[in-house]
């Protein structure tokens, strides 16, 4: 997953968590709803400026929008077994 996709997933997730529509986010960020939708579909890359506008509108740090999801525990929690000290 590239950073554009990571940002898309995070923007949508956080927006949904805050029960905000794309239109509300766009209005708060000073962007068009069409542009916000394109970012959420990872059709458009956001500039650093737009990243900041969206983060502020969502009430989060810009870095939160670029955090990759934690890897799923498909191996049954192997990190709890030790080995890497």
PDB file of N, CA and C in Angstrom:
ATOM      1  N   UNK A   1       0.851  -1.172   0.000  1.00  0.00           N
ATOM      2  CA  UNK A   1       0.000   0.000   0.000  1.00  0.00           C
ATOM      3  C   UNK A   1       0.902   1.242   0.000  1.00  0.00           C
ATOM      4  N   UNK A   2       0.751   2.105  -0.996  1.00  0.00           N
ATOM      5  CA  UNK A   2       1.567   3.318  -1.036  1.00  0.00           C
ATOM      6  C   UNK A   2       0.961   4.384  -0.126  1.00  0.00           C
ATOM      7  N   UNK A   3       1.691   5.474   0.084  1.00  0.00           N
ATOM      8  CA  UNK A   3       1.242   6.495   1.031  1.00  0.00           C
ATOM      9  C   UNK A   3      -0.067   7.162   0.622  1.00  0.00           C
ATOM     10  N   UNK A   4      -0.285   7.256  -0.679  1.00  0.00           N
ATOM     11  CA  UNK A   4      -1.553   7.829  -1.151  1.00  0.00           C
ATOM     12  C   UNK A   4      -2.722   6.961  -0.683  1.00  0.00           C
ATOM     13  N   UNK A   5      -2.560   5.650  -0.763  1.00  0.00           N
ATOM     14  CA  UNK A   5      -3.601   4.724  -0.308  1.00  0.00           C
ATOM     15  C   UNK A   5      -3.733   4.731   1.214  1.00  0.00           C
ATOM     16  N   UNK A   6      -2.602   4.826   1.911  1.00  0.00           N
ATOM     17  CA  UNK A   6      -2.616   4.893   3.373  1.00  0.00           C
ATOM     18  C   UNK A   6      -3.394   6.120   3.818  1.00  0.00           C
ATOM     19  N   UNK A   7      -3.105   7.263   3.198  1.00  0.00           N
ATOM     20  CA  UNK A   7      -3.815   8.489   3.547  1.00  0.00           C
ATOM     21  C   UNK A   7      -5.306   8.359   3.245  1.00  0.00           C
ATOM     22  N   UNK A   8      -5.634   7.775   2.116  1.00  0.00           N
ATOM     23  CA  UNK A   8      -7.043   7.606   1.737  1.00  0.00           C
ATOM     24  C   UNK A   8      -7.800   6.805   2.788  1.00  0.00           C
ATOM     25  N   UNK A   9      -7.220   5.688   3.207  1.00  0.00           N
ATOM     26  CA  UNK A   9      -7.861   4.828   4.206  1.00  0.00           C
ATOM     27  C   UNK A   9      -8.006   5.569   5.534  1.00  0.00           C
ATOM     28  N   UNK A  10      -6.967   6.281   5.941  1.00  0.00           N
ATOM     29  CA  UNK A  10      -7.001   6.977   7.225  1.00  0.00           C
ATOM     30  C   UNK A  10      -7.975   8.148   7.226  1.00  0.00           C
ATOM     31  N   UNK A  11      -8.010   8.920   6.146  1.00  0.00           N
ATOM     32  CA  UNK A  11      -8.947  10.041   6.078  1.00  0.00           C
ATOM     33  C   UNK A  11     -10.379   9.519   6.181  1.00  0.00           C
ATOM     34  N   UNK A  12     -10.683   8.506   5.413  1.00  0.00           N
ATOM     35  CA  UNK A  12     -12.039   7.957   5.430  1.00  0.00           C
ATOM     36  C   UNK A  12     -12.397   7.382   6.804  1.00  0.00           C
ATOM     37  N   UNK A  13     -11.472   6.623   7.392  1.00  0.00           N
ATOM     38  CA  UNK A  13     -11.722   6.010   8.708  1.00  0.00           C
ATOM     39  C   UNK A  13     -11.956   7.073   9.778  1.00  0.00           C
ATOM     40  N   UNK A  14     -11.085   8.063   9.822  1.00  0.00           N
ATOM     41  CA  UNK A  14     -11.207   9.107  10.842  1.00  0.00           C
ATOM     42  C   UNK A  14     -12.467   9.930  10.606  1.00  0.00           C
ATOM     43  N   UNK A  15     -12.755  10.234   9.358  1.00  0.00           N
ATOM     44  CA  UNK A  15     -13.970  11.003   9.036  1.00  0.00           C
ATOM     45  C   UNK A  15     -15.210  10.233   9.484  1.00  0.00           C
ATOM     46  N   UNK A  16     -15.242   8.937   9.205  1.00  0.00           N
ATOM     47  CA  UNK A  16     -16.376   8.115   9.642  1.00  0.00           C
ATOM     48  C   UNK A  16     -16.461   8.057  11.168  1.00  0.00           C
ATOM     49  N   UNK A  17     -15.305   7.911  11.823  1.00  0.00           N
ATOM     50  CA  UNK A  17     -15.280   7.870  13.290  1.00  0.00           C
ATOM     51  C   UNK A  17     -15.883   9.139  13.890  1.00  0.00           C
ATOM     52  N   UNK A  18     -15.689  10.251  13.208  1.00  0.00           N
ATOM     53  CA  UNK A  18     -16.200  11.542  13.680  1.00  0.00           C
ATOM     54  C   UNK A  18     -17.586  11.844  13.118  1.00  0.00           C
ATOM     55  N   UNK A  19     -18.161  10.860  12.430  1.00  0.00           N
ATOM     56  CA  UNK A  19     -19.505  10.978  11.847  1.00  0.00           C
ATOM     57  C   UNK A  19     -19.637  12.260  11.023  1.00  0.00           C
ATOM     58  N   UNK A  20     -18.656  12.443  10.144  1.00  0.00           N
ATOM     59  CA  UNK A  20     -18.593  13.629   9.301  1.00  0.00           C
ATOM     60  C   UNK A  20     -18.760  13.200   7.843  1.00  0.00           C
ATOM     61  N   UNK A  21     -19.508  13.972   7.080  1.00  0.00           N
ATOM     62  CA  UNK A  21     -19.644  13.688   5.648  1.00  0.00           C
ATOM     63  C   UNK A  21     -18.442  14.262   4.892  1.00  0.00           C
ATOM     64  N   UNK A  22     -18.281  13.813   3.661  1.00  0.00           N
ATOM     65  CA  UNK A  22     -17.234  14.391   2.818  1.00  0.00           C
ATOM     66  C   UNK A  22     -17.466  15.886   2.638  1.00  0.00           C
ATOM     67  N   UNK A  23     -18.708  16.281   2.519  1.00  0.00           N
ATOM     68  CA  UNK A  23     -19.039  17.696   2.332  1.00  0.00           C
ATOM     69  C   UNK A  23     -18.644  18.518   3.561  1.00  0.00           C
ATOM     70  N   UNK A  24     -18.914  17.973   4.747  1.00  0.00           N
ATOM     71  CA  UNK A  24     -18.532  18.676   5.975  1.00  0.00           C
ATOM     72  C   UNK A  24     -17.015  18.797   6.090  1.00  0.00           C
ATOM     73  N   UNK A  25     -16.319  17.713   5.797  1.00  0.00           N
ATOM     74  CA  UNK A  25     -14.856  17.752   5.836  1.00  0.00           C
ATOM     75  C   UNK A  25     -14.328  18.771   4.836  1.00  0.00           C
ATOM     76  N   UNK A  26     -14.857  18.728   3.632  1.00  0.00           N
ATOM     77  CA  UNK A  26     -14.411  19.656   2.593  1.00  0.00           C
ATOM     78  C   UNK A  26     -14.628  21.097   3.027  1.00  0.00           C
ATOM     79  N   UNK A  27     -15.783  21.382   3.595  1.00  0.00           N
ATOM     80  CA  UNK A  27     -16.101  22.739   4.046  1.00  0.00           C
ATOM     81  C   UNK A  27     -15.134  23.188   5.136  1.00  0.00           C
ATOM     82  N   UNK A  28     -14.886  22.327   6.105  1.00  0.00           N
ATOM     83  CA  UNK A  28     -13.979  22.674   7.214  1.00  0.00           C
ATOM     84  C   UNK A  28     -12.544  22.837   6.743  1.00  0.00           C
ATOM     85  N   UNK A  29     -12.164  22.077   5.711  1.00  0.00           N
ATOM     86  CA  UNK A  29     -10.782  22.127   5.216  1.00  0.00           C
ATOM     87  C   UNK A  29     -10.586  23.167   4.114  1.00  0.00           C
ATOM     88  N   UNK A  30     -11.683  23.763   3.641  1.00  0.00           N
ATOM     89  CA  UNK A  30     -11.573  24.741   2.567  1.00  0.00           C
ATOM     90  C   UNK A  30     -11.284  24.100   1.221  1.00  0.00           C
ATOM     91  N   UNK A  31     -11.809  22.902   1.021  1.00  0.00           N
ATOM     92  CA  UNK A  31     -11.604  22.146  -0.215  1.00  0.00           C
ATOM     93  C   UNK A  31     -12.947  21.816  -0.841  1.00  0.00           C
ATOM     94  N   UNK A  32     -12.926  21.317  -2.055  1.00  0.00           N
ATOM     95  CA  UNK A  32     -14.180  20.875  -2.673  1.00  0.00           C
ATOM     96  C   UNK A  32     -14.470  19.440  -2.240  1.00  0.00           C
ATOM     97  N   UNK A  33     -15.743  19.112  -2.148  1.00  0.00           N
ATOM     98  CA  UNK A  33     -16.144  17.751  -1.792  1.00  0.00           C
ATOM     99  C   UNK A  33     -15.651  16.762  -2.840  1.00  0.00           C
ATOM    100  N   UNK A  34     -15.620  17.176  -4.071  1.00  0.00           N
ATOM    101  CA  UNK A  34     -15.131  16.306  -5.149  1.00  0.00           C
ATOM    102  C   UNK A  34     -13.658  15.955  -4.939  1.00  0.00           C
ATOM    103  N   UNK A  35     -12.870  16.939  -4.513  1.00  0.00           N
ATOM    104  CA  UNK A  35     -11.446  16.715  -4.258  1.00  0.00           C
ATOM    105  C   UNK A  35     -11.247  15.786  -3.062  1.00  0.00           C
ATOM    106  N   UNK A  36     -12.007  16.000  -1.995  1.00  0.00           N
ATOM    107  CA  UNK A  36     -11.925  15.122  -0.818  1.00  0.00           C
ATOM    108  C   UNK A  36     -12.279  13.693  -1.220  1.00  0.00           C
ATOM    109  N   UNK A  37     -13.320  13.533  -2.029  1.00  0.00           N
ATOM    110  CA  UNK A  37     -13.697  12.200  -2.499  1.00  0.00           C
ATOM    111  C   UNK A  37     -12.593  11.545  -3.309  1.00  0.00           C
ATOM    112  N   UNK A  38     -11.933  12.331  -4.148  1.00  0.00           N
ATOM    113  CA  UNK A  38     -10.841  11.788  -4.964  1.00  0.00           C
ATOM    114  C   UNK A  38      -9.664  11.366  -4.090  1.00  0.00           C
ATOM    115  N   UNK A  39      -9.397  12.122  -3.032  1.00  0.00           N
ATOM    116  CA  UNK A  39      -8.324  11.748  -2.100  1.00  0.00           C
ATOM    117  C   UNK A  39      -8.695  10.453  -1.385  1.00  0.00           C
ATOM    118  N   UNK A  40      -9.941  10.339  -0.944  1.00  0.00           N
ATOM    119  CA  UNK A  40     -10.382   9.134  -0.236  1.00  0.00           C
ATOM    120  C   UNK A  40     -10.394   7.903  -1.135  1.00  0.00           C
ATOM    121  N   UNK A  41     -10.530   8.096  -2.429  1.00  0.00           N
ATOM    122  CA  UNK A  41     -10.474   6.960  -3.371  1.00  0.00           C
ATOM    123  C   UNK A  41      -9.049   6.733  -3.856  1.00  0.00           C
ATOM    124  N   UNK A  42      -8.119   7.519  -3.361  1.00  0.00           N
ATOM    125  CA  UNK A  42      -6.707   7.521  -3.755  1.00  0.00           C
ATOM    126  C   UNK A  42      -6.528   7.782  -5.249  1.00  0.00           C
ATOM    127  N   UNK A  43      -7.440   8.579  -5.804  1.00  0.00           N
ATOM    128  CA  UNK A  43      -7.310   9.013  -7.198  1.00  0.00           C
ATOM    129  C   UNK A  43      -6.446  10.253  -7.319  1.00  0.00           C
ATOM    130  N   UNK A  44      -6.305  11.000  -6.220  1.00  0.00           N
ATOM    131  CA  UNK A  44      -5.502  12.225  -6.199  1.00  0.00           C
ATOM    132  C   UNK A  44      -4.521  12.156  -5.051  1.00  0.00           C
ATOM    133  N   UNK A  45      -3.338  12.714  -5.272  1.00  0.00           N
ATOM    134  CA  UNK A  45      -2.358  12.869  -4.202  1.00  0.00           C
ATOM    135  C   UNK A  45      -2.547  14.239  -3.580  1.00  0.00           C
ATOM    136  N   UNK A  46      -2.514  14.301  -2.280  1.00  0.00           N
ATOM    137  CA  UNK A  46      -2.659  15.575  -1.574  1.00  0.00           C
ATOM    138  C   UNK A  46      -1.290  16.188  -1.333  1.00  0.00           C
ATOM    139  N   UNK A  47      -1.202  17.492  -1.501  1.00  0.00           N
ATOM    140  CA  UNK A  47       0.035  18.201  -1.171  1.00  0.00           C
ATOM    141  C   UNK A  47       0.186  18.247   0.347  1.00  0.00           C
ATOM    142  N   UNK A  48       1.353  18.650   0.799  1.00  0.00           N
ATOM    143  CA  UNK A  48       1.584  18.787   2.238  1.00  0.00           C
ATOM    144  C   UNK A  48       0.622  19.829   2.816  1.00  0.00           C
ATOM    145  N   UNK A  49       0.363  20.879   2.072  1.00  0.00           N
ATOM    146  CA  UNK A  49      -0.575  21.906   2.523  1.00  0.00           C
ATOM    147  C   UNK A  49      -1.963  21.331   2.714  1.00  0.00           C
ATOM    148  N   UNK A  50      -2.435  20.566   1.738  1.00  0.00           N
ATOM    149  CA  UNK A  50      -3.768  19.956   1.824  1.00  0.00           C
ATOM    150  C   UNK A  50      -3.795  18.918   2.939  1.00  0.00           C
ATOM    151  N   UNK A  51      -2.729  18.167   3.103  1.00  0.00           N
ATOM    152  CA  UNK A  51      -2.630  17.209   4.204  1.00  0.00           C
ATOM    153  C   UNK A  51      -2.864  17.933   5.532  1.00  0.00           C
ATOM    154  N   UNK A  52      -2.236  19.074   5.702  1.00  0.00           N
ATOM    155  CA  UNK A  52      -2.408  19.867   6.919  1.00  0.00           C
ATOM    156  C   UNK A  52      -3.822  20.387   7.079  1.00  0.00           C
ATOM    157  N   UNK A  53      -4.425  20.838   6.000  1.00  0.00           N
ATOM    158  CA  UNK A  53      -5.804  21.344   6.057  1.00  0.00           C
ATOM    159  C   UNK A  53      -6.770  20.243   6.472  1.00  0.00           C
ATOM    160  N   UNK A  54      -6.603  19.064   5.897  1.00  0.00           N
ATOM    161  CA  UNK A  54      -7.484  17.941   6.222  1.00  0.00           C
ATOM    162  C   UNK A  54      -7.278  17.510   7.670  1.00  0.00           C
ATOM    163  N   UNK A  55      -6.022  17.419   8.097  1.00  0.00           N
ATOM    164  CA  UNK A  55      -5.729  17.019   9.474  1.00  0.00           C
ATOM    165  C   UNK A  55      -6.365  17.995  10.461  1.00  0.00           C
ATOM    166  N   UNK A  56      -6.213  19.280  10.199  1.00  0.00           N
ATOM    167  CA  UNK A  56      -6.800  20.286  11.093  1.00  0.00           C
ATOM    168  C   UNK A  56      -8.320  20.176  11.114  1.00  0.00           C
ATOM    169  N   UNK A  57      -8.911  19.975   9.962  1.00  0.00           N
ATOM    170  CA  UNK A  57     -10.372  19.852   9.882  1.00  0.00           C
ATOM    171  C   UNK A  57     -10.870  18.619  10.631  1.00  0.00           C
ATOM    172  N   UNK A  58     -10.053  17.567  10.664  1.00  0.00           N
ATOM    173  CA  UNK A  58     -10.424  16.339  11.372  1.00  0.00           C
ATOM    174  C   UNK A  58     -10.030  16.372  12.846  1.00  0.00           C
ATOM    175  N   UNK A  59      -9.220  17.364  13.231  1.00  0.00           N
ATOM    176  CA  UNK A  59      -8.783  17.461  14.620  1.00  0.00           C
ATOM    177  C   UNK A  59      -7.725  16.444  14.992  1.00  0.00           C
ATOM    178  N   UNK A  60      -6.861  16.100  14.028  1.00  0.00           N
ATOM    179  CA  UNK A  60      -5.782  15.137  14.270  1.00  0.00           C
ATOM    180  C   UNK A  60      -4.463  15.734  13.776  1.00  0.00           C
ATOM    181  N   UNK A  61      -3.376  15.077  14.106  1.00  0.00           N
ATOM    182  CA  UNK A  61      -2.073  15.469  13.589  1.00  0.00           C
ATOM    183  C   UNK A  61      -1.935  14.973  12.153  1.00  0.00           C
ATOM    184  N   UNK A  62      -1.236  15.728  11.333  1.00  0.00           N
ATOM    185  CA  UNK A  62      -1.025  15.320   9.941  1.00  0.00           C
ATOM    186  C   UNK A  62      -0.370  13.944   9.875  1.00  0.00           C
ATOM    187  N   UNK A  63       0.519  13.663  10.806  1.00  0.00           N
ATOM    188  CA  UNK A  63       1.202  12.367  10.811  1.00  0.00           C
ATOM    189  C   UNK A  63       0.234  11.204  11.001  1.00  0.00           C
ATOM    190  N   UNK A  64      -0.890  11.449  11.678  1.00  0.00           N
ATOM    191  CA  UNK A  64      -1.895  10.395  11.873  1.00  0.00           C
ATOM    192  C   UNK A  64      -2.482   9.932  10.545  1.00  0.00           C
ATOM    193  N   UNK A  65      -2.511  10.826   9.568  1.00  0.00           N
ATOM    194  CA  UNK A  65      -3.083  10.488   8.261  1.00  0.00           C
ATOM    195  C   UNK A  65      -2.130   9.652   7.413  1.00  0.00           C
ATOM    196  N   UNK A  66      -0.861   9.604   7.823  1.00  0.00           N
ATOM    197  CA  UNK A  66       0.136   8.866   7.045  1.00  0.00           C
ATOM    198  C   UNK A  66       0.622   7.599   7.732  1.00  0.00           C
ATOM    199  N   UNK A  67       0.030   7.269   8.868  1.00  0.00           N
ATOM    200  CA  UNK A  67       0.440   6.059   9.588  1.00  0.00           C
ATOM    201  C   UNK A  67      -0.112   4.825   8.904  1.00  0.00           C
ATOM    202  N   UNK A  68       0.782   3.911   8.618  1.00  0.00           N
ATOM    203  CA  UNK A  68       0.361   2.638   8.030  1.00  0.00           C
ATOM    204  C   UNK A  68      -0.359   1.818   9.086  1.00  0.00           C
ATOM    205  N   UNK A  69      -1.370   1.035   8.673  1.00  0.00           N
ATOM    206  CA  UNK A  69      -2.065   0.189   9.650  1.00  0.00           C
ATOM    207  C   UNK A  69      -1.111  -0.843  10.239  1.00  0.00           C
ATOM    208  N   UNK A  70      -1.341  -1.177  11.491  1.00  0.00           N
ATOM    209  CA  UNK A  70      -0.515  -2.192  12.148  1.00  0.00           C
ATOM    210  C   UNK A  70      -0.709  -3.522  11.436  1.00  0.00           C
ATOM    211  N   UNK A  71       0.361  -4.284  11.295  1.00  0.00           N
ATOM    212  CA  UNK A  71       0.212  -5.600  10.655  1.00  0.00           C
ATOM    213  C   UNK A  71      -0.720  -6.487  11.463  1.00  0.00           C
ATOM    214  N   UNK A  72      -1.534  -7.246  10.777  1.00  0.00           N
ATOM    215  CA  UNK A  72      -2.464  -8.131  11.481  1.00  0.00           C
ATOM    216  C   UNK A  72      -1.700  -9.282  12.101  1.00  0.00           C
ATOM    217  N   UNK A  73      -2.247  -9.824  13.178  1.00  0.00           N
ATOM    218  CA  UNK A  73      -1.593 -10.909  13.916  1.00  0.00           C
ATOM    219  C   UNK A  73      -1.972 -12.241  13.300  1.00  0.00           C
ATOM    220  N   UNK A  74      -1.545 -12.478  12.078  1.00  0.00           N
ATOM    221  CA  UNK A  74      -1.889 -13.724  11.387  1.00  0.00           C
ATOM    222  C   UNK A  74      -1.077 -14.904  11.896  1.00  0.00           C
ATOM    223  N   UNK A  75       0.044 -14.609  12.549  1.00  0.00           N
ATOM    224  CA  UNK A  75       0.914 -15.693  12.991  1.00  0.00           C
ATOM    225  C   UNK A  75       0.633 -16.113  14.428  1.00  0.00           C
ATOM    226  N   UNK A  76      -0.512 -15.726  14.969  1.00  0.00           N
ATOM    227  CA  UNK A  76      -0.868 -16.167  16.314  1.00  0.00           C
ATOM    228  C   UNK A  76      -0.079 -15.477  17.411  1.00  0.00           C
ATOM    229  N   UNK A  77       0.321 -14.217  17.182  1.00  0.00           N
ATOM    230  CA  UNK A  77       1.012 -13.478  18.225  1.00  0.00           C
ATOM    231  C   UNK A  77       2.445 -13.919  18.444  1.00  0.00           C
ATOM    232  N   UNK A  78       3.188 -14.131  17.392  1.00  0.00           N
ATOM    233  CA  UNK A  78       4.550 -14.620  17.519  1.00  0.00           C
ATOM    234  C   UNK A  78       5.432 -13.658  18.295  1.00  0.00           C
ATOM    235  N   UNK A  79       5.083 -12.373  18.363  1.00  0.00           N
ATOM    236  CA  UNK A  79       5.897 -11.416  19.079  1.00  0.00           C
ATOM    237  C   UNK A  79       5.892 -11.706  20.586  1.00  0.00           C
ATOM    238  N   UNK A  80       4.864 -12.368  21.082  1.00  0.00           N
ATOM    239  CA  UNK A  80       4.783 -12.686  22.503  1.00  0.00           C
ATOM    240  C   UNK A  80       5.674 -13.872  22.864  1.00  0.00           C
ATOM    241  N   UNK A  81       6.172 -14.581  21.888  1.00  0.00           N
ATOM    242  CA  UNK A  81       7.007 -15.761  22.134  1.00  0.00           C
ATOM    243  C   UNK A  81       8.458 -15.402  22.356  1.00  0.00           C
ATOM    244  N   UNK A  82       8.800 -14.166  22.127  1.00  0.00           N
ATOM    245  CA  UNK A  82      10.199 -13.785  22.320  1.00  0.00           C
ATOM    246  C   UNK A  82      10.997 -14.031  21.070  1.00  0.00           C
ATOM    247  N   UNK A  83      12.299 -14.217  21.241  1.00  0.00           N
ATOM    248  CA  UNK A  83      13.159 -14.477  20.107  1.00  0.00           C
ATOM    249  C   UNK A  83      13.892 -13.235  19.643  1.00  0.00           C
ATOM    250  N   UNK A  84      13.217 -12.124  19.529  1.00  0.00           N
ATOM    251  CA  UNK A  84      13.851 -10.863  19.133  1.00  0.00           C
ATOM    252  C   UNK A  84      14.078 -10.022  20.367  1.00  0.00           C
ATOM    253  N   UNK A  85      15.280 -10.068  20.909  1.00  0.00           N
ATOM    254  CA  UNK A  85      15.582  -9.294  22.104  1.00  0.00           C
ATOM    255  C   UNK A  85      16.546  -8.200  21.821  1.00  0.00           C
TER     256      UNK A  85
END
